[in-house]
Protein backbone atom coordinates (compact mmCIF):
# COMPACT_ATOMS: atom_id res chain seq x y z
CA UNK A 1 0.11 0.19 0.07
CA UNK A 2 1.70 3.16 -0.99
CA UNK A 3 0.86 6.65 0.20
CA UNK A 4 -1.69 7.51 -2.54
CA UNK A 5 -4.05 4.51 -1.20
CA UNK A 6 -4.48 6.66 1.98
CA UNK A 7 -7.71 7.88 0.62
CA UNK A 8 -9.01 4.31 1.23
CA UNK A 9 -11.82 3.62 3.76
CA UNK A 10 -11.79 0.47 5.65
CA UNK A 11 -14.31 -1.15 7.70
CA UNK A 12 -13.97 -3.78 10.43
CA UNK A 13 -14.90 -7.61 10.04
CA UNK A 14 -18.08 -8.20 11.79
CA UNK A 15 -16.77 -11.58 12.73
CA UNK A 16 -14.20 -10.06 14.92
CA UNK A 17 -14.64 -9.35 18.69
CA UNK A 18 -12.56 -7.10 20.81
CA UNK A 19 -11.92 -7.66 24.61
CA UNK A 20 -10.13 -5.66 27.00
CA UNK A 21 -8.08 -7.59 29.42
CA UNK A 22 -6.01 -6.14 31.86
CA UNK A 23 -5.75 -2.78 29.94
CA UNK A 24 -4.77 -4.48 26.73
CA UNK A 25 -7.28 -4.72 23.75
CA UNK A 26 -7.33 -8.12 22.09
CA UNK A 27 -9.20 -9.08 18.59
CA UNK A 28 -10.66 -12.38 18.28
CA UNK A 29 -12.36 -13.56 15.17
CA UNK A 30 -15.33 -15.49 15.80
CA UNK A 31 -15.47 -17.52 12.71
CA UNK A 32 -13.00 -20.27 11.58
CA UNK A 33 -10.67 -22.64 13.88
CA UNK A 34 -11.49 -21.71 17.76
CA UNK A 35 -7.97 -23.00 18.51
CA UNK A 36 -6.41 -20.55 15.68
CA UNK A 37 -4.57 -18.51 18.16
CA UNK A 38 -2.24 -16.68 15.47
CA UNK A 39 -5.22 -14.63 14.42
CA UNK A 40 -5.74 -13.18 17.96
CA UNK A 41 -4.28 -9.37 18.00
CA UNK A 42 -3.05 -7.82 21.16
CA UNK A 43 -3.44 -4.10 20.28
CA UNK A 44 -1.06 -1.19 21.50
CA UNK A 45 -2.69 2.21 22.32
CA UNK A 46 -2.22 3.46 18.87
CA UNK A 47 -3.22 0.44 17.17
CA UNK A 48 -6.36 0.24 19.20
CA UNK A 49 -7.17 3.88 18.25
CA UNK A 50 -6.71 2.96 14.36
CA UNK A 51 -8.75 0.11 14.91
CA UNK A 52 -11.50 2.16 16.38
CA UNK A 53 -11.20 4.56 13.57
CA UNK A 54 -11.84 1.82 11.11
CA UNK A 55 -15.56 2.55 10.82
CA UNK A 56 -16.41 2.53 7.38
CA UNK A 57 -16.50 6.15 6.99
CA UNK A 58 -12.87 7.62 7.74
CA UNK A 59 -10.09 7.52 5.14
CA UNK A 60 -6.52 6.83 5.88
CA UNK A 61 -5.44 10.02 5.68
CA UNK A 62 -7.97 11.22 8.27
CA UNK A 63 -6.79 8.49 10.55
CA UNK A 64 -3.39 9.54 9.95
CA UNK A 65 -3.89 12.95 11.04
CA UNK A 66 -5.54 12.21 14.12
CA UNK A 67 -2.75 9.58 15.01
CA UNK A 68 -0.04 12.16 14.64
CA UNK A 69 -2.27 14.87 16.55
CA UNK A 70 -3.37 12.40 19.32
CA UNK A 71 0.26 10.45 19.83
CA UNK A 72 2.49 13.30 19.06
CA UNK A 73 4.28 10.95 16.12
CA UNK A 74 5.89 12.20 13.14
CA UNK A 75 4.32 11.82 9.47
CA UNK A 76 6.48 9.36 8.19
CA UNK A 77 6.34 7.23 11.55
CA UNK A 78 2.72 7.33 11.59
CA UNK A 79 2.12 6.48 7.61
CA UNK A 80 4.44 3.61 7.96
CA UNK A 81 2.55 2.01 11.35
CA UNK A 82 -0.72 2.61 9.67
CA UNK A 83 0.44 1.10 6.69
CA UNK A 84 1.97 -1.95 8.23
CA UNK A 85 -0.99 -2.51 10.93
CA UNK A 86 -3.52 -2.08 7.96
CA UNK A 87 -1.64 -4.65 5.68
CA UNK A 88 -1.66 -7.04 8.88
CA UNK A 89 -5.42 -6.72 9.24
CA UNK A 90 -6.18 -7.10 5.82
CA UNK A 91 -4.13 -10.38 5.78
CA UNK A 92 -6.04 -11.70 8.62
CA UNK A 93 -9.21 -11.06 7.10
CA UNK A 94 -10.18 -8.53 10.07
CA UNK A 95 -10.92 -5.86 7.89
CA UNK A 96 -12.19 -4.90 4.14
CA UNK A 97 -11.83 -1.98 2.00
CA UNK A 98 -15.26 -0.18 1.97
CA UNK A 99 -16.99 -0.10 -1.34
CA UNK A 100 -15.32 -3.24 -2.80
């Protein structure tokens, strides 16, 4: 995903539940093999913010700007982190591009 793709909008998969345990948010797919622990994600504060922002309305540029403001991080680092996280979520089938 290049920076030109930051106008894309993503939405969370409805087959994923999130649970906060000891202050850490975990994403757990509810379809597929119950014992497939490789698809459980433990999210950092930034990843949790990005996850919560994937509402099918905000594009990645909007999320990027909010991440930079909220977490006081430089543009290049925020963009890299968002790109990597989105690719992981897509690869695990936890999000989809809106409108496709």
